[in-house]
Amino acid sequence: MDYSLEVLTVPVSDVDVSLAFYKSLGFAVDVDYHPRDGFRVVQVTPPGSACSIQFGEGLTEAAPGSAQANYLVVQDLAAAHAELVARGVAVGEIRHKAPEDMLAAGLDPERRPYASMAVLTDPDGNTWTLQEVPRTTGG
């Protein structure tokens, strides 16, 4: 049996502020459905992703900002970081895994998959870790 992760729900306090933030990341707006007061669904998809993110009103009882340690994978972390900064998004410094599970400044010198990361936070405090997984060739 195959399973495909399609949507993650992120709790937010202000749908319009969150929509503006995720659009600033370059995410495509798939759905903005508001059929009645007290219920709204917004679904956005990161470029190149098969999984979308949804938020809105009346979707979850989780506290805004409680979605922590979510990961977005990018092929080139330095390029993604620079693009987000150019868009005006506050992104943490690039760090990489060092011996004994410590984090050191900058990209992993060997550019190992899953070794380099930077964190960004949405307006409610939900966190997203950008993690570098370079595309491999061959094989």
N, C-alpha and C. Protein backbone atom coordinates (compact mmCIF):
# COMPACT_ATOMS: atom_id res chain seq x y z
N MET A 1 0.85 -1.18 0.00
CA MET A 1 0.00 0.00 0.00
C MET A 1 0.89 1.24 0.00
N ASP A 2 0.69 2.12 -0.95
CA ASP A 2 1.40 3.40 -0.98
C ASP A 2 0.59 4.44 -0.23
N TYR A 3 1.29 5.32 0.44
CA TYR A 3 0.66 6.45 1.12
C TYR A 3 1.29 7.73 0.59
N SER A 4 0.48 8.71 0.35
CA SER A 4 0.97 10.01 -0.09
C SER A 4 0.50 11.06 0.90
N LEU A 5 1.43 11.81 1.42
CA LEU A 5 1.06 12.92 2.29
C LEU A 5 0.62 14.07 1.39
N GLU A 6 -0.60 14.54 1.57
CA GLU A 6 -1.15 15.55 0.68
C GLU A 6 -1.26 16.92 1.31
N VAL A 7 -1.69 17.01 2.56
CA VAL A 7 -1.91 18.31 3.19
C VAL A 7 -1.52 18.26 4.66
N LEU A 8 -0.85 19.31 5.11
CA LEU A 8 -0.58 19.53 6.53
C LEU A 8 -1.39 20.75 6.97
N THR A 9 -2.04 20.67 8.12
CA THR A 9 -2.80 21.79 8.64
C THR A 9 -1.96 22.54 9.66
N VAL A 10 -1.86 23.85 9.47
CA VAL A 10 -1.07 24.71 10.34
C VAL A 10 -2.03 25.67 11.04
N PRO A 11 -2.03 25.68 12.38
CA PRO A 11 -2.94 26.59 13.10
C PRO A 11 -2.43 28.02 13.09
N VAL A 12 -3.32 28.94 12.71
CA VAL A 12 -2.96 30.35 12.63
C VAL A 12 -4.03 31.20 13.31
N SER A 13 -3.66 32.43 13.66
CA SER A 13 -4.62 33.32 14.32
C SER A 13 -5.28 34.30 13.35
N ASP A 14 -4.58 34.67 12.28
CA ASP A 14 -5.11 35.62 11.32
C ASP A 14 -4.86 35.07 9.91
N VAL A 15 -5.93 34.63 9.27
CA VAL A 15 -5.82 33.96 7.98
C VAL A 15 -5.19 34.86 6.93
N ASP A 16 -5.60 36.12 6.88
CA ASP A 16 -5.07 37.02 5.86
C ASP A 16 -3.59 37.32 6.05
N VAL A 17 -3.16 37.48 7.29
CA VAL A 17 -1.74 37.71 7.57
C VAL A 17 -0.93 36.48 7.17
N SER A 18 -1.45 35.30 7.50
CA SER A 18 -0.76 34.06 7.14
C SER A 18 -0.71 33.88 5.63
N LEU A 19 -1.80 34.19 4.95
CA LEU A 19 -1.83 34.07 3.50
C LEU A 19 -0.77 34.97 2.87
N ALA A 20 -0.67 36.19 3.34
CA ALA A 20 0.35 37.11 2.82
C ALA A 20 1.75 36.55 3.07
N PHE A 21 1.98 35.97 4.25
CA PHE A 21 3.29 35.42 4.57
C PHE A 21 3.64 34.27 3.63
N TYR A 22 2.75 33.30 3.48
CA TYR A 22 3.06 32.13 2.65
C TYR A 22 3.17 32.51 1.18
N LYS A 23 2.43 33.52 0.74
CA LYS A 23 2.61 34.02 -0.62
C LYS A 23 3.99 34.66 -0.76
N SER A 24 4.48 35.32 0.30
CA SER A 24 5.81 35.94 0.24
C SER A 24 6.91 34.90 0.11
N LEU A 25 6.62 33.67 0.51
CA LEU A 25 7.58 32.58 0.33
C LEU A 25 7.58 32.05 -1.09
N GLY A 26 6.59 32.47 -1.87
CA GLY A 26 6.48 31.98 -3.24
C GLY A 26 5.55 30.80 -3.39
N PHE A 27 4.79 30.49 -2.34
CA PHE A 27 3.86 29.37 -2.40
C PHE A 27 2.66 29.73 -3.27
N ALA A 28 2.18 28.76 -4.03
CA ALA A 28 1.00 28.96 -4.88
C ALA A 28 -0.26 28.83 -4.03
N VAL A 29 -1.24 29.69 -4.29
CA VAL A 29 -2.52 29.61 -3.59
C VAL A 29 -3.43 28.69 -4.41
N ASP A 30 -3.76 27.54 -3.83
CA ASP A 30 -4.60 26.55 -4.50
C ASP A 30 -6.08 26.80 -4.22
N VAL A 31 -6.38 27.12 -2.98
CA VAL A 31 -7.77 27.27 -2.55
C VAL A 31 -7.86 28.40 -1.54
N ASP A 32 -8.89 29.19 -1.65
CA ASP A 32 -9.27 30.15 -0.61
C ASP A 32 -10.79 30.11 -0.57
N TYR A 33 -11.30 29.23 0.27
CA TYR A 33 -12.73 28.89 0.32
C TYR A 33 -13.32 29.41 1.61
N HIS A 34 -14.32 30.29 1.50
CA HIS A 34 -14.92 30.94 2.67
C HIS A 34 -16.44 30.93 2.50
N PRO A 35 -17.08 29.76 2.67
CA PRO A 35 -18.51 29.66 2.38
C PRO A 35 -19.43 30.31 3.40
N ARG A 36 -18.92 30.51 4.64
CA ARG A 36 -19.78 31.08 5.69
C ARG A 36 -18.90 31.68 6.79
N ASP A 37 -19.50 32.50 7.62
CA ASP A 37 -18.77 33.05 8.76
C ASP A 37 -18.29 31.91 9.65
N GLY A 38 -17.08 32.04 10.15
CA GLY A 38 -16.53 31.05 11.07
C GLY A 38 -15.85 29.88 10.39
N PHE A 39 -15.85 29.86 9.05
CA PHE A 39 -15.18 28.76 8.35
C PHE A 39 -14.50 29.28 7.09
N ARG A 40 -13.20 29.02 7.01
CA ARG A 40 -12.42 29.39 5.82
C ARG A 40 -11.27 28.42 5.69
N VAL A 41 -11.02 27.98 4.49
CA VAL A 41 -9.89 27.10 4.20
C VAL A 41 -9.02 27.76 3.15
N VAL A 42 -7.75 27.92 3.47
CA VAL A 42 -6.76 28.37 2.50
C VAL A 42 -5.75 27.25 2.36
N GLN A 43 -5.47 26.88 1.12
CA GLN A 43 -4.47 25.85 0.86
C GLN A 43 -3.41 26.43 -0.05
N VAL A 44 -2.15 26.29 0.35
CA VAL A 44 -1.01 26.77 -0.43
C VAL A 44 -0.04 25.61 -0.65
N THR A 45 0.71 25.71 -1.74
CA THR A 45 1.66 24.64 -2.05
C THR A 45 3.03 25.24 -2.35
N PRO A 46 4.06 24.74 -1.66
CA PRO A 46 5.42 25.19 -1.96
C PRO A 46 5.79 24.79 -3.39
N PRO A 47 6.58 25.63 -4.08
CA PRO A 47 7.00 25.27 -5.43
C PRO A 47 7.67 23.90 -5.47
N GLY A 48 7.24 23.05 -6.38
CA GLY A 48 7.84 21.73 -6.55
C GLY A 48 7.36 20.67 -5.58
N SER A 49 6.45 21.00 -4.68
CA SER A 49 6.02 20.05 -3.66
C SER A 49 4.74 19.33 -4.08
N ALA A 50 4.65 18.06 -3.69
CA ALA A 50 3.41 17.30 -3.87
C ALA A 50 2.50 17.43 -2.66
N CYS A 51 3.02 18.02 -1.58
CA CYS A 51 2.25 18.20 -0.35
C CYS A 51 1.94 19.68 -0.16
N SER A 52 0.71 19.97 0.24
CA SER A 52 0.27 21.34 0.46
C SER A 52 0.13 21.63 1.94
N ILE A 53 -0.06 22.90 2.25
CA ILE A 53 -0.27 23.36 3.61
C ILE A 53 -1.63 24.05 3.62
N GLN A 54 -2.41 23.77 4.65
CA GLN A 54 -3.68 24.49 4.77
C GLN A 54 -3.77 25.15 6.13
N PHE A 55 -4.50 26.24 6.14
CA PHE A 55 -4.78 26.96 7.38
C PHE A 55 -6.09 27.68 7.14
N GLY A 56 -6.64 28.21 8.19
CA GLY A 56 -7.90 28.92 8.02
C GLY A 56 -8.60 29.15 9.33
N GLU A 57 -9.90 29.16 9.24
CA GLU A 57 -10.75 29.39 10.41
C GLU A 57 -11.70 28.20 10.52
N GLY A 58 -11.81 27.64 11.73
CA GLY A 58 -12.70 26.51 11.95
C GLY A 58 -12.14 25.18 11.48
N LEU A 59 -10.81 25.09 11.31
CA LEU A 59 -10.20 23.85 10.81
C LEU A 59 -9.63 22.97 11.91
N THR A 60 -9.10 23.59 12.95
CA THR A 60 -8.41 22.85 14.00
C THR A 60 -8.55 23.58 15.32
N GLU A 61 -8.49 22.83 16.39
CA GLU A 61 -8.49 23.42 17.72
C GLU A 61 -7.09 23.63 18.26
N ALA A 62 -6.08 23.26 17.46
CA ALA A 62 -4.69 23.46 17.88
C ALA A 62 -4.41 24.95 18.02
N ALA A 63 -3.57 25.28 18.96
CA ALA A 63 -3.22 26.68 19.22
C ALA A 63 -2.35 27.24 18.09
N PRO A 64 -2.64 28.46 17.65
CA PRO A 64 -1.77 29.09 16.66
C PRO A 64 -0.32 29.07 17.14
N GLY A 65 0.58 28.72 16.23
CA GLY A 65 2.00 28.65 16.56
C GLY A 65 2.45 27.32 17.11
N SER A 66 1.55 26.36 17.25
CA SER A 66 1.93 25.08 17.85
C SER A 66 2.50 24.07 16.85
N ALA A 67 2.51 24.41 15.57
CA ALA A 67 3.10 23.51 14.57
C ALA A 67 4.60 23.79 14.52
N GLN A 68 5.36 22.96 15.18
CA GLN A 68 6.80 23.16 15.32
C GLN A 68 7.57 22.08 14.58
N ALA A 69 8.78 22.42 14.17
CA ALA A 69 9.72 21.48 13.56
C ALA A 69 9.18 20.86 12.28
N ASN A 70 8.56 21.67 11.44
CA ASN A 70 8.16 21.23 10.11
C ASN A 70 9.35 21.44 9.18
N TYR A 71 9.49 20.60 8.19
CA TYR A 71 10.64 20.68 7.30
C TYR A 71 10.23 20.94 5.87
N LEU A 72 10.98 21.82 5.22
CA LEU A 72 10.88 22.06 3.79
C LEU A 72 12.25 21.73 3.20
N VAL A 73 12.29 20.83 2.24
CA VAL A 73 13.54 20.41 1.65
C VAL A 73 13.83 21.25 0.41
N VAL A 74 15.07 21.70 0.29
CA VAL A 74 15.52 22.45 -0.88
C VAL A 74 16.80 21.81 -1.40
N GLN A 75 17.04 21.97 -2.70
CA GLN A 75 18.25 21.39 -3.30
C GLN A 75 19.49 22.23 -3.01
N ASP A 76 19.31 23.54 -2.94
CA ASP A 76 20.44 24.45 -2.72
C ASP A 76 20.03 25.44 -1.63
N LEU A 77 20.49 25.20 -0.43
CA LEU A 77 20.08 26.02 0.71
C LEU A 77 20.56 27.46 0.58
N ALA A 78 21.77 27.65 0.10
CA ALA A 78 22.28 29.02 -0.04
C ALA A 78 21.40 29.82 -1.01
N ALA A 79 21.01 29.22 -2.11
CA ALA A 79 20.16 29.90 -3.09
C ALA A 79 18.77 30.16 -2.51
N ALA A 80 18.20 29.17 -1.84
CA ALA A 80 16.88 29.34 -1.23
C ALA A 80 16.91 30.44 -0.17
N HIS A 81 17.93 30.44 0.65
CA HIS A 81 18.09 31.45 1.70
C HIS A 81 18.18 32.84 1.07
N ALA A 82 19.01 32.99 0.05
CA ALA A 82 19.18 34.28 -0.61
C ALA A 82 17.87 34.75 -1.26
N GLU A 83 17.14 33.82 -1.87
CA GLU A 83 15.87 34.18 -2.51
C GLU A 83 14.86 34.67 -1.48
N LEU A 84 14.76 33.97 -0.36
CA LEU A 84 13.81 34.37 0.68
C LEU A 84 14.18 35.72 1.28
N VAL A 85 15.44 35.93 1.54
CA VAL A 85 15.89 37.21 2.09
C VAL A 85 15.57 38.33 1.09
N ALA A 86 15.78 38.08 -0.21
CA ALA A 86 15.46 39.08 -1.24
C ALA A 86 13.97 39.39 -1.27
N ARG A 87 13.14 38.41 -0.88
CA ARG A 87 11.69 38.61 -0.83
C ARG A 87 11.26 39.31 0.47
N GLY A 88 12.21 39.55 1.36
CA GLY A 88 11.90 40.23 2.61
C GLY A 88 11.51 39.29 3.74
N VAL A 89 11.77 38.00 3.57
CA VAL A 89 11.43 37.01 4.60
C VAL A 89 12.59 36.90 5.59
N ALA A 90 12.27 36.93 6.87
CA ALA A 90 13.29 36.75 7.91
C ALA A 90 13.61 35.27 8.03
N VAL A 91 14.83 34.92 7.70
CA VAL A 91 15.29 33.53 7.77
C VAL A 91 16.52 33.50 8.66
N GLY A 92 16.58 32.50 9.51
CA GLY A 92 17.74 32.35 10.39
C GLY A 92 19.00 32.05 9.60
N GLU A 93 20.11 32.12 10.29
CA GLU A 93 21.40 31.83 9.67
C GLU A 93 21.49 30.38 9.23
N ILE A 94 22.25 30.14 8.19
CA ILE A 94 22.51 28.77 7.73
C ILE A 94 23.48 28.13 8.71
N ARG A 95 23.13 26.92 9.11
CA ARG A 95 23.97 26.14 10.03
C ARG A 95 24.08 24.72 9.50
N HIS A 96 25.07 24.00 10.00
CA HIS A 96 25.20 22.60 9.60
C HIS A 96 25.56 21.73 10.80
N LYS A 97 25.24 20.45 10.63
CA LYS A 97 25.54 19.49 11.69
C LYS A 97 27.04 19.30 11.78
N ALA A 98 27.53 19.35 13.00
CA ALA A 98 28.95 19.16 13.27
C ALA A 98 29.09 17.96 14.20
N PRO A 99 30.31 17.54 14.49
CA PRO A 99 30.48 16.39 15.37
C PRO A 99 29.70 16.53 16.67
N GLU A 100 29.24 15.41 17.17
CA GLU A 100 28.50 15.33 18.43
C GLU A 100 27.17 16.08 18.38
N ASP A 101 26.55 16.12 17.20
CA ASP A 101 25.23 16.72 17.01
C ASP A 101 25.17 18.20 17.35
N MET A 102 26.27 18.89 17.30
CA MET A 102 26.29 20.32 17.50
C MET A 102 26.08 20.98 16.14
N LEU A 103 25.68 22.23 16.14
CA LEU A 103 25.50 22.97 14.89
C LEU A 103 26.58 24.02 14.75
N ALA A 104 27.16 24.08 13.56
CA ALA A 104 28.19 25.07 13.26
C ALA A 104 27.66 26.03 12.20
N ALA A 105 28.25 27.20 12.12
CA ALA A 105 27.82 28.21 11.17
C ALA A 105 28.12 27.79 9.74
N GLY A 106 27.25 28.21 8.82
CA GLY A 106 27.47 28.00 7.39
C GLY A 106 27.00 26.66 6.88
N LEU A 107 27.18 26.49 5.57
CA LEU A 107 26.81 25.24 4.91
C LEU A 107 27.77 24.12 5.30
N ASP A 108 27.28 22.91 5.28
CA ASP A 108 28.13 21.76 5.51
C ASP A 108 29.24 21.76 4.45
N PRO A 109 30.51 21.69 4.84
CA PRO A 109 31.60 21.76 3.87
C PRO A 109 31.52 20.69 2.78
N GLU A 110 30.95 19.54 3.11
CA GLU A 110 30.83 18.45 2.13
C GLU A 110 29.48 18.47 1.42
N ARG A 111 28.58 19.39 1.83
CA ARG A 111 27.23 19.49 1.27
C ARG A 111 26.48 18.16 1.35
N ARG A 112 26.67 17.49 2.50
CA ARG A 112 25.98 16.21 2.72
C ARG A 112 24.47 16.44 2.80
N PRO A 113 23.69 15.50 2.28
CA PRO A 113 22.23 15.60 2.42
C PRO A 113 21.82 15.67 3.89
N TYR A 114 20.85 16.48 4.18
CA TYR A 114 20.25 16.64 5.51
C TYR A 114 21.18 17.27 6.54
N ALA A 115 22.32 17.81 6.12
CA ALA A 115 23.29 18.33 7.09
C ALA A 115 23.20 19.85 7.28
N SER A 116 22.68 20.56 6.29
CA SER A 116 22.62 22.03 6.38
C SER A 116 21.18 22.48 6.51
N MET A 117 20.97 23.54 7.31
CA MET A 117 19.60 23.99 7.56
C MET A 117 19.56 25.46 7.95
N ALA A 118 18.36 26.03 7.82
CA ALA A 118 18.06 27.38 8.30
C ALA A 118 16.59 27.37 8.70
N VAL A 119 16.24 28.15 9.70
CA VAL A 119 14.87 28.12 10.23
C VAL A 119 14.16 29.44 9.93
N LEU A 120 12.90 29.32 9.58
CA LEU A 120 12.05 30.49 9.47
C LEU A 120 10.78 30.23 10.25
N THR A 121 10.12 31.31 10.62
CA THR A 121 8.94 31.24 11.48
C THR A 121 7.83 32.06 10.85
N ASP A 122 6.63 31.49 10.83
CA ASP A 122 5.49 32.25 10.28
C ASP A 122 5.02 33.27 11.31
N PRO A 123 4.07 34.12 10.96
CA PRO A 123 3.65 35.18 11.90
C PRO A 123 3.11 34.69 13.23
N ASP A 124 2.65 33.44 13.32
CA ASP A 124 2.13 32.90 14.58
C ASP A 124 3.17 32.14 15.39
N GLY A 125 4.34 31.91 14.81
CA GLY A 125 5.37 31.15 15.52
C GLY A 125 5.48 29.70 15.09
N ASN A 126 4.72 29.27 14.08
CA ASN A 126 4.92 27.94 13.52
C ASN A 126 6.29 27.93 12.84
N THR A 127 7.08 26.90 13.08
CA THR A 127 8.45 26.90 12.56
C THR A 127 8.61 25.96 11.38
N TRP A 128 9.47 26.39 10.48
CA TRP A 128 9.82 25.64 9.28
C TRP A 128 11.34 25.59 9.18
N THR A 129 11.88 24.40 9.08
CA THR A 129 13.30 24.23 8.87
C THR A 129 13.55 23.96 7.40
N LEU A 130 14.32 24.83 6.77
CA LEU A 130 14.75 24.57 5.41
C LEU A 130 15.95 23.64 5.51
N GLN A 131 15.89 22.51 4.83
CA GLN A 131 16.97 21.53 4.92
C GLN A 131 17.46 21.20 3.53
N GLU A 132 18.77 21.20 3.36
CA GLU A 132 19.36 20.95 2.05
C GLU A 132 19.48 19.46 1.78
N VAL A 133 18.91 19.05 0.65
CA VAL A 133 19.07 17.69 0.14
C VAL A 133 19.38 17.84 -1.35
N PRO A 134 20.68 17.91 -1.66
CA PRO A 134 21.05 18.11 -3.07
C PRO A 134 20.56 16.95 -3.93
N ARG A 135 20.18 17.29 -5.16
CA ARG A 135 19.77 16.27 -6.12
C ARG A 135 20.99 15.46 -6.51
N THR A 136 20.84 14.17 -6.49
CA THR A 136 21.95 13.31 -6.90
C THR A 136 21.77 12.95 -8.36
N THR A 137 22.86 12.70 -9.03
CA THR A 137 22.80 12.30 -10.44
C THR A 137 23.15 10.83 -10.55
N GLY A 138 22.70 10.24 -11.64
CA GLY A 138 23.00 8.83 -11.89
C GLY A 138 22.13 7.93 -11.07
N GLY A 139 22.52 6.65 -11.05
CA GLY A 139 21.97 5.66 -10.19
C GLY A 139 20.62 5.25 -10.34
